[in-house]
Amino acid sequence: MKNPYQVIKDFEESVAEYTGAPHVVAVSSCTNALFLCLMWAKVAKIITGGKFVIPKRTYLSVPQQIKLVGFEFVFKDIEWKGMYPLSPLNIYDCARRFTSNMFKDLYNSNTLDNHYFMCTSHHWAKILGIERGGCILHNDPESDKWFRKVRHHGRSEGVHPRDDQPIIGYDMLMLPSVAANGLVRLSHLPKHNPDLPNDDYPDLSQMEIFK
């Protein structure tokens, strides 16, 4: 029997070719992509203190994920278009951007040989416009292995649970049916896409849950 999850790998390879990212990990949403990147920063001890700085007008799941992982944050009045970093790390919320060479352009615009993580959104209201889902575009081989295992209940790809050494993981794998839809739509996507305009985001700093 053929592997039904091969279509996810095919989608990841196509996104990598389109965006210029060395590695692409398909997950169930952009929110979950951000969560996994933040968890990696915690697990790998990339950041152990301080606070993240994020725009006060963005989607509310961003500060939620920061809190859920156990970090702190401060809101700033930051103007942004298409994407912005979760400063001080090179984790980018790219929910409003998806275009060719977007990872390559980011990497080439920085002189330091750092690791970058771009979290994209692909649900029906976004540029790719599939049912749901997101991707982590990045250039870090070490985290890539962790992302691929932790997104699917901590399991190793292609290994039956009885033969595996799992880790604590999450149910965040992109569904094969969603990946198949993404492959079709990606094949018809223009080479260059303008950023989506920012939504009518409220001032999150005034919400009780973030005070």
Foldseek 3Di string as FASTA:
>chain_A
DDDLCVLVVVLQVLLCQFAVFPGKAKWFALLVLLLLVLLCCVVVVVDDDDAWEDALFDDPSNQVSCVVSPGHYDHDNDDDFQWDARPPDQEIERAQDRAGNNVVVVCVVDDDPDKHWYKYWQDQVHQLRFNTIIMIGIDDPVVNQVSVQQCCQQFDPPDPPVRTDGDGHHPIHHDSVRSVSSVVSSVVHDNGDGGDDGDPGDRNVPDPVRD
